[in-house]
Amino acid sequence: MNNDDQKVLGRVSEVRKNRFVITVGNNEVMAKLKGSFYDRTPDELPVVGDYVYLSLNSSGDSVILSVLERKSLLMRPDQAKTGVMQYMAANVDYCFIVTSLNEDYSTNRIARYTSIALQGGAVPVVILTKADLCGDVPHFVDEVRAISDKIRVHAVSALKGTGMEELKEYFAPGKTICLLGSSGAGKSTLVNAVTGEEIMKTSAVRESDSTGRHTTTHRQLIALNNGVFLIDTPGMREVGMSWAKDGIDDTFSDIVELEKRCRFRNCRHETEPGCAVRAAVESGELPEERLRLYRNLGRENKDNSVKMKEISKWQKAYKKSRNNRMW
């Protein structure tokens, strides 16, 4: 460490390959990892939203020395890299799951985002945008609430100002909000309307399929003037599941409770006698579609988790053999 270097606390606002943008007070500095980080697992590396200690260097790249313990970590499988987890954001209080009430709306995707939020330790808040263009808003609100009792849901119209006051409770100093949703769902317009400032860039939405261009191309932490932090993410229409069993169970807690009443512990909820889940479906208490979604997400999560566990074992074995060769 040089004489003019000093150890300071900062927060990761962007990750650029092997370099990091760190917010320190009102300033941003570029930083790289201390060498010892390269022997750590991917989930131990800094992500957007992490608080880090760094050696501040006024004449070049600062050096990240350590990552503070996280209170939450959002992750999902990287669809482009089979078997690799994508660590999206850390220390998130609320996940704003933003979906517009048009062709973008998907209960399947909302359930997936909800599971990711709950698994990661954040509160899922579903924001149904463009409510002024929907003829039956209460129907969609009820449908989202039926996904999980852990969800908070708000129907809003940034254009008309409808429902925007409800969102201000989340914008409390010190809180971190992560924005999740497809391109064109209205994330940027929503934030600009709530804050009354042009915080985020917006882009036009194609009328043909109600989707927009990817205004955000990378995850970025934005500090608002009132002490609130926003983490914007690129639009994701496909959301994979892996290592999210707890999040799925939290999302479908009603089915988990029913399973406890099944006669057989390994009940598949098909033709087994004494199946409480099938009984709930047949009585109309549990929609068949909800059970099907629970099964599909659980199966996908299990398959991906096994695949990633094997890759993790291979990575650890490779790292161990490499270290042995070095000695």
Protein backbone atom coordinates (compact mmCIF):
# COMPACT_ATOMS: atom_id res chain seq x y z
CA MET A 1 0.00 0.00 0.00
CA ASN A 2 1.35 3.39 -0.96
CA ASN A 3 1.66 6.15 1.62
CA ASP A 4 -1.26 8.05 0.10
CA ASP A 5 -3.49 4.96 0.08
CA GLN A 6 -6.19 4.63 2.74
CA LYS A 7 -8.72 1.98 3.72
CA VAL A 8 -12.29 3.17 3.11
CA LEU A 9 -15.80 1.75 2.89
CA GLY A 10 -17.59 1.91 -0.45
CA ARG A 11 -20.42 0.27 -2.37
CA VAL A 12 -20.21 -1.50 -5.73
CA SER A 13 -22.25 0.41 -8.32
CA GLU A 14 -21.09 -1.37 -11.50
CA VAL A 15 -19.12 -4.47 -12.50
CA ARG A 16 -17.07 -4.13 -15.69
CA LYS A 17 -15.41 -7.47 -16.37
CA ASN A 18 -12.34 -7.41 -14.08
CA ARG A 19 -12.86 -3.85 -12.81
CA PHE A 20 -15.43 -2.32 -10.50
CA VAL A 21 -17.00 1.10 -10.11
CA ILE A 22 -17.21 1.87 -6.39
CA THR A 23 -19.24 4.68 -4.85
CA VAL A 24 -17.33 6.29 -1.97
CA GLY A 25 -19.30 9.14 -0.45
CA ASN A 26 -20.29 11.37 -3.37
CA ASN A 27 -17.46 10.13 -5.59
CA GLU A 28 -16.89 7.13 -7.84
CA VAL A 29 -13.56 5.32 -8.12
CA MET A 30 -12.34 2.44 -10.27
CA ALA A 31 -11.08 -0.61 -8.43
CA LYS A 32 -9.71 -4.09 -9.01
CA LEU A 33 -9.69 -7.17 -6.80
CA LYS A 34 -6.98 -8.06 -4.33
CA GLY A 35 -5.12 -11.13 -5.60
CA SER A 36 -6.54 -13.46 -2.92
CA PHE A 37 -10.04 -13.10 -4.43
CA TYR A 38 -9.07 -15.24 -7.42
CA ASP A 39 -9.02 -18.36 -5.23
CA ARG A 40 -12.59 -17.78 -4.05
CA THR A 41 -15.88 -19.17 -5.36
CA PRO A 42 -17.98 -16.97 -7.71
CA ASP A 43 -20.56 -16.21 -5.01
CA GLU A 44 -17.81 -14.66 -2.86
CA LEU A 45 -16.84 -12.10 -5.51
CA PRO A 46 -18.26 -8.56 -5.33
CA VAL A 47 -21.54 -7.83 -7.13
CA VAL A 48 -23.58 -4.68 -7.59
CA GLY A 49 -24.90 -3.57 -4.18
CA ASP A 50 -22.08 -5.10 -2.15
CA TYR A 51 -20.40 -3.03 0.56
CA VAL A 52 -16.63 -3.39 0.33
CA TYR A 53 -13.49 -2.19 2.04
CA LEU A 54 -10.91 -0.93 -0.40
CA SER A 55 -7.48 0.54 -0.41
CA LEU A 56 -8.06 3.94 -2.01
CA ASN A 57 -5.41 4.91 -4.53
CA SER A 58 -5.46 8.51 -5.76
CA SER A 59 -3.10 7.81 -8.68
CA GLY A 60 -4.60 4.62 -10.17
CA ASP A 61 -7.00 1.75 -9.57
CA SER A 62 -8.00 1.24 -5.95
CA VAL A 63 -7.93 -2.32 -4.57
CA ILE A 64 -10.93 -4.17 -3.09
CA LEU A 65 -9.72 -5.81 0.13
CA SER A 66 -12.88 -7.50 1.43
CA VAL A 67 -16.65 -7.82 0.99
CA LEU A 68 -18.89 -7.18 3.98
CA GLU A 69 -21.48 -9.75 5.00
CA ARG A 70 -24.60 -9.53 2.84
CA LYS A 71 -28.18 -9.35 4.09
CA SER A 72 -29.53 -10.56 0.74
CA LEU A 73 -28.24 -11.92 -2.58
CA LEU A 74 -30.31 -12.27 -5.77
CA MET A 75 -29.20 -14.93 -8.23
CA ARG A 76 -30.45 -16.91 -11.22
CA PRO A 77 -29.04 -19.34 -13.79
CA ASP A 78 -27.26 -17.64 -16.68
CA GLN A 79 -29.36 -18.73 -19.66
CA ALA A 80 -26.47 -18.10 -22.06
CA LYS A 81 -24.00 -20.20 -20.03
CA THR A 82 -25.45 -23.54 -19.05
CA GLY A 83 -24.57 -24.49 -15.50
CA VAL A 84 -23.35 -21.05 -14.43
CA MET A 85 -25.07 -18.95 -11.77
CA GLN A 86 -25.51 -15.24 -12.35
CA TYR A 87 -25.27 -13.23 -9.15
CA MET A 88 -27.40 -10.17 -9.83
CA ALA A 89 -27.43 -7.90 -6.77
CA ALA A 90 -26.68 -7.83 -3.05
CA ASN A 91 -28.17 -6.09 -0.01
CA VAL A 92 -31.55 -5.55 -1.64
CA ASP A 93 -34.55 -4.69 0.55
CA TYR A 94 -37.30 -4.70 -2.07
CA CYS A 95 -37.54 -6.33 -5.50
CA PHE A 96 -39.82 -4.28 -7.73
CA ILE A 97 -41.15 -6.89 -10.17
CA VAL A 98 -42.40 -4.58 -12.90
CA THR A 99 -44.79 -5.90 -15.54
CA SER A 100 -47.19 -3.98 -17.74
CA LEU A 101 -50.84 -4.92 -18.12
CA ASN A 102 -50.54 -5.84 -21.80
CA GLU A 103 -48.89 -8.70 -23.72
CA ASP A 104 -45.93 -8.52 -21.30
CA TYR A 105 -48.05 -9.80 -18.38
CA SER A 106 -47.17 -13.36 -17.29
CA THR A 107 -48.06 -15.04 -13.99
CA ASN A 108 -45.36 -17.63 -14.74
CA ARG A 109 -42.65 -14.96 -14.92
CA ILE A 110 -43.97 -13.15 -11.84
CA ALA A 111 -43.86 -16.43 -9.88
CA ARG A 112 -40.26 -16.99 -11.00
CA TYR A 113 -39.17 -13.48 -10.00
CA THR A 114 -40.99 -13.88 -6.68
CA SER A 115 -39.11 -17.11 -5.94
CA ILE A 116 -35.79 -15.43 -6.78
CA ALA A 117 -36.60 -12.51 -4.46
CA LEU A 118 -37.70 -14.72 -1.56
CA GLN A 119 -34.76 -17.10 -1.99
CA GLY A 120 -32.39 -14.12 -1.98
CA GLY A 121 -33.88 -12.56 1.16
CA ALA A 122 -35.73 -9.59 -0.39
CA VAL A 123 -39.40 -8.58 -0.31
CA PRO A 124 -41.19 -9.10 -3.68
CA VAL A 125 -43.28 -6.08 -4.71
CA VAL A 126 -45.19 -6.58 -7.96
CA ILE A 127 -45.86 -3.32 -9.82
CA LEU A 128 -48.51 -3.65 -12.53
CA THR A 129 -47.88 -0.68 -14.84
CA LYS A 130 -50.04 0.92 -17.55
CA ALA A 131 -53.17 0.30 -15.48
CA ASP A 132 -54.91 3.05 -17.49
CA LEU A 133 -54.83 0.76 -20.55
CA CYS A 134 -56.42 -2.22 -18.77
CA GLY A 135 -60.17 -2.78 -18.53
CA ASP A 136 -60.15 -5.12 -15.53
CA VAL A 137 -57.35 -4.13 -13.14
CA PRO A 138 -58.87 -5.84 -10.02
CA HIS A 139 -58.80 -9.21 -11.82
CA PHE A 140 -55.04 -9.00 -12.40
CA VAL A 141 -54.36 -7.71 -8.88
CA ASP A 142 -56.23 -10.69 -7.43
CA GLU A 143 -54.41 -13.07 -9.80
CA VAL A 144 -51.01 -11.79 -8.64
CA ARG A 145 -52.00 -11.96 -4.97
CA ALA A 146 -52.98 -15.59 -5.52
CA ILE A 147 -49.40 -16.42 -6.59
CA SER A 148 -48.05 -15.99 -3.06
CA ASP A 149 -49.12 -14.50 0.23
CA LYS A 150 -45.61 -13.00 0.48
CA ILE A 151 -46.23 -10.67 -2.48
CA ARG A 152 -47.13 -7.01 -2.21
CA VAL A 153 -48.93 -5.77 -5.34
CA HIS A 154 -49.72 -2.31 -6.71
CA ALA A 155 -51.45 -1.34 -9.97
CA VAL A 156 -50.23 2.02 -11.23
CA SER A 157 -50.28 4.39 -14.16
CA ALA A 158 -47.30 6.71 -14.43
CA LEU A 159 -49.12 8.62 -17.19
CA LYS A 160 -52.24 9.29 -15.09
CA GLY A 161 -50.51 9.29 -11.70
CA THR A 162 -52.77 6.49 -10.46
CA GLY A 163 -51.37 4.46 -7.53
CA MET A 164 -48.03 6.27 -7.49
CA GLU A 165 -48.49 7.56 -3.92
CA GLU A 166 -48.62 3.95 -2.70
CA LEU A 167 -45.03 3.37 -3.82
CA LYS A 168 -43.48 6.17 -1.78
CA GLU A 169 -43.40 4.01 1.36
CA TYR A 170 -40.64 1.93 -0.26
CA PHE A 171 -38.48 4.96 -1.06
CA ALA A 172 -37.20 5.44 2.50
CA PRO A 173 -33.61 6.62 3.15
CA GLY A 174 -31.15 3.73 3.35
CA LYS A 175 -33.38 1.28 1.47
CA THR A 176 -32.24 -0.50 -1.69
CA ILE A 177 -34.73 -1.34 -4.45
CA CYS A 178 -33.85 -3.73 -7.29
CA LEU A 179 -35.87 -3.35 -10.50
CA LEU A 180 -36.75 -6.57 -12.31
CA GLY A 181 -38.85 -6.96 -15.43
CA SER A 182 -38.93 -7.21 -19.20
CA SER A 183 -37.83 -4.43 -21.53
CA GLY A 184 -40.75 -2.09 -22.15
CA ALA A 185 -42.45 -2.95 -18.84
CA GLY A 186 -42.09 0.67 -17.72
CA LYS A 187 -39.32 0.45 -15.09
CA SER A 188 -37.63 3.70 -16.07
CA THR A 189 -40.89 5.61 -16.50
CA LEU A 190 -42.04 4.31 -13.11
CA VAL A 191 -38.93 5.49 -11.25
CA ASN A 192 -38.92 8.88 -12.97
CA ALA A 193 -42.58 9.38 -12.03
CA VAL A 194 -42.12 8.39 -8.36
CA THR A 195 -39.00 10.54 -7.84
CA GLY A 196 -40.15 13.46 -9.97
CA GLU A 197 -36.74 13.46 -11.67
CA GLU A 198 -35.33 12.15 -14.93
CA ILE A 199 -33.29 9.51 -13.08
CA MET A 200 -33.38 6.81 -15.75
CA LYS A 201 -33.46 6.85 -19.54
CA THR A 202 -36.63 5.62 -21.23
CA SER A 203 -37.09 4.07 -24.66
CA ALA A 204 -40.03 3.62 -26.99
CA VAL A 205 -42.15 0.47 -26.93
CA ARG A 206 -43.03 -1.34 -30.16
CA GLU A 207 -46.78 -1.37 -30.68
CA SER A 208 -46.63 -4.73 -32.52
CA ASP A 209 -45.62 -6.80 -29.48
CA SER A 210 -45.60 -4.27 -26.60
CA THR A 211 -41.89 -4.78 -25.96
CA GLY A 212 -39.10 -2.22 -25.86
CA ARG A 213 -35.40 -1.95 -26.49
CA HIS A 214 -33.01 -2.84 -23.70
CA THR A 215 -32.47 0.64 -22.26
CA THR A 216 -30.36 -0.90 -19.48
CA THR A 217 -27.52 -3.10 -20.74
CA HIS A 218 -25.87 -3.87 -17.40
CA ARG A 219 -26.69 -3.83 -13.70
CA GLN A 220 -26.11 -0.46 -12.11
CA LEU A 221 -26.63 1.03 -8.64
CA ILE A 222 -28.04 4.55 -8.61
CA ALA A 223 -28.01 6.70 -5.45
CA LEU A 224 -30.97 9.06 -5.17
CA ASN A 225 -30.76 12.42 -3.42
CA ASN A 226 -32.95 11.21 -0.53
CA GLY A 227 -30.61 8.33 0.38
CA VAL A 228 -32.48 5.59 -1.48
CA PHE A 229 -30.52 3.21 -3.73
CA LEU A 230 -31.87 1.75 -6.97
CA ILE A 231 -30.36 -1.22 -8.76
CA ASP A 232 -31.48 -1.36 -12.37
CA THR A 233 -31.15 -4.60 -14.32
CA PRO A 234 -31.34 -5.44 -18.04
CA GLY A 235 -34.78 -6.61 -19.17
CA MET A 236 -35.25 -10.38 -18.85
CA ARG A 237 -38.14 -12.14 -20.58
CA GLU A 238 -36.81 -15.61 -19.65
CA VAL A 239 -36.06 -16.32 -15.99
CA GLY A 240 -34.49 -19.67 -15.11
CA MET A 241 -34.62 -21.37 -11.71
CA SER A 242 -31.80 -22.98 -9.76
CA TRP A 243 -30.84 -23.29 -6.07
CA ALA A 244 -34.19 -21.68 -5.28
CA LYS A 245 -36.07 -24.42 -3.40
CA ASP A 246 -36.71 -22.23 -0.35
CA GLY A 247 -37.93 -19.40 -2.56
CA ILE A 248 -40.28 -21.72 -4.46
CA ASP A 249 -41.61 -23.17 -1.20
CA ASP A 250 -42.23 -19.65 0.13
CA THR A 251 -44.01 -18.66 -3.07
CA PHE A 252 -46.23 -21.76 -2.99
CA SER A 253 -46.57 -22.04 0.78
CA ASP A 254 -50.22 -23.14 0.45
CA ILE A 255 -49.21 -26.24 -1.53
CA VAL A 256 -46.34 -26.97 0.88
CA GLU A 257 -48.84 -26.93 3.76
CA LEU A 258 -51.18 -29.28 1.86
CA GLU A 259 -48.29 -31.68 1.19
CA LYS A 260 -47.80 -32.10 4.92
CA ARG A 261 -51.28 -33.64 5.09
CA CYS A 262 -50.67 -36.22 2.35
CA ARG A 263 -50.72 -39.85 3.54
CA PHE A 264 -47.35 -40.62 1.97
CA ARG A 265 -44.26 -38.48 2.52
CA ASN A 266 -43.05 -38.99 -1.08
CA CYS A 267 -46.48 -38.32 -2.58
CA ARG A 268 -46.31 -37.13 -6.21
CA HIS A 269 -49.88 -35.78 -6.10
CA GLU A 270 -51.03 -37.94 -8.99
CA THR A 271 -53.04 -41.09 -8.16
CA GLU A 272 -51.81 -41.86 -4.64
CA PRO A 273 -54.53 -42.51 -2.03
CA GLY A 274 -54.87 -39.92 0.73
CA CYS A 275 -53.32 -37.11 -1.34
CA ALA A 276 -54.36 -33.80 0.23
CA VAL A 277 -53.10 -31.82 -2.77
CA ARG A 278 -55.25 -33.73 -5.31
CA ALA A 279 -58.21 -33.43 -2.95
CA ALA A 280 -57.74 -29.64 -2.86
CA VAL A 281 -57.62 -29.53 -6.67
CA GLU A 282 -60.77 -31.62 -7.01
CA SER A 283 -62.65 -29.49 -4.47
CA GLY A 284 -61.67 -26.29 -6.29
CA GLU A 285 -59.59 -25.01 -3.35
CA LEU A 286 -56.37 -25.26 -5.39
CA PRO A 287 -56.30 -24.38 -9.13
CA GLU A 288 -54.80 -27.11 -11.32
CA GLU A 289 -52.71 -24.47 -13.12
CA ARG A 290 -51.10 -23.41 -9.85
CA LEU A 291 -50.11 -26.99 -9.01
CA ARG A 292 -48.70 -27.42 -12.54
CA LEU A 293 -46.57 -24.26 -12.20
CA TYR A 294 -45.30 -25.41 -8.77
CA ARG A 295 -44.28 -28.77 -10.26
CA ASN A 296 -42.62 -27.26 -13.31
CA LEU A 297 -40.57 -24.72 -11.31
CA GLY A 298 -39.59 -27.39 -8.78
CA ARG A 299 -38.50 -29.81 -11.51
CA GLU A 300 -36.53 -27.11 -13.35
CA ASN A 301 -34.87 -25.97 -10.13
CA LYS A 302 -33.87 -29.53 -9.20
CA ASP A 303 -32.45 -30.32 -12.66
CA ASN A 304 -30.44 -27.09 -12.85
CA SER A 305 -29.20 -27.40 -9.27
CA VAL A 306 -27.84 -30.91 -9.90
CA LYS A 307 -26.12 -29.70 -13.06
CA MET A 308 -24.56 -26.72 -11.30
CA LYS A 309 -23.49 -28.81 -8.32
CA GLU A 310 -21.50 -31.04 -10.69
CA ILE A 311 -19.87 -28.02 -12.33
CA SER A 312 -19.04 -26.58 -8.90
CA LYS A 313 -17.34 -29.87 -7.90
CA TRP A 314 -15.33 -29.82 -11.13
CA GLN A 315 -14.28 -26.19 -10.54
CA LYS A 316 -13.12 -26.94 -6.98
CA ALA A 317 -11.19 -30.04 -8.10
CA TYR A 318 -9.52 -28.04 -10.88
CA LYS A 319 -8.59 -25.22 -8.48
CA LYS A 320 -7.17 -27.73 -5.98
CA SER A 321 -5.05 -29.49 -8.61
CA ARG A 322 -3.80 -26.13 -9.92
CA ASN A 323 -2.78 -25.02 -6.41
CA ASN A 324 -0.99 -28.35 -5.84
CA ARG A 325 0.96 -27.89 -9.06
CA MET A 326 1.99 -24.38 -7.96
CA TRP A 327 3.46 -25.82 -4.75
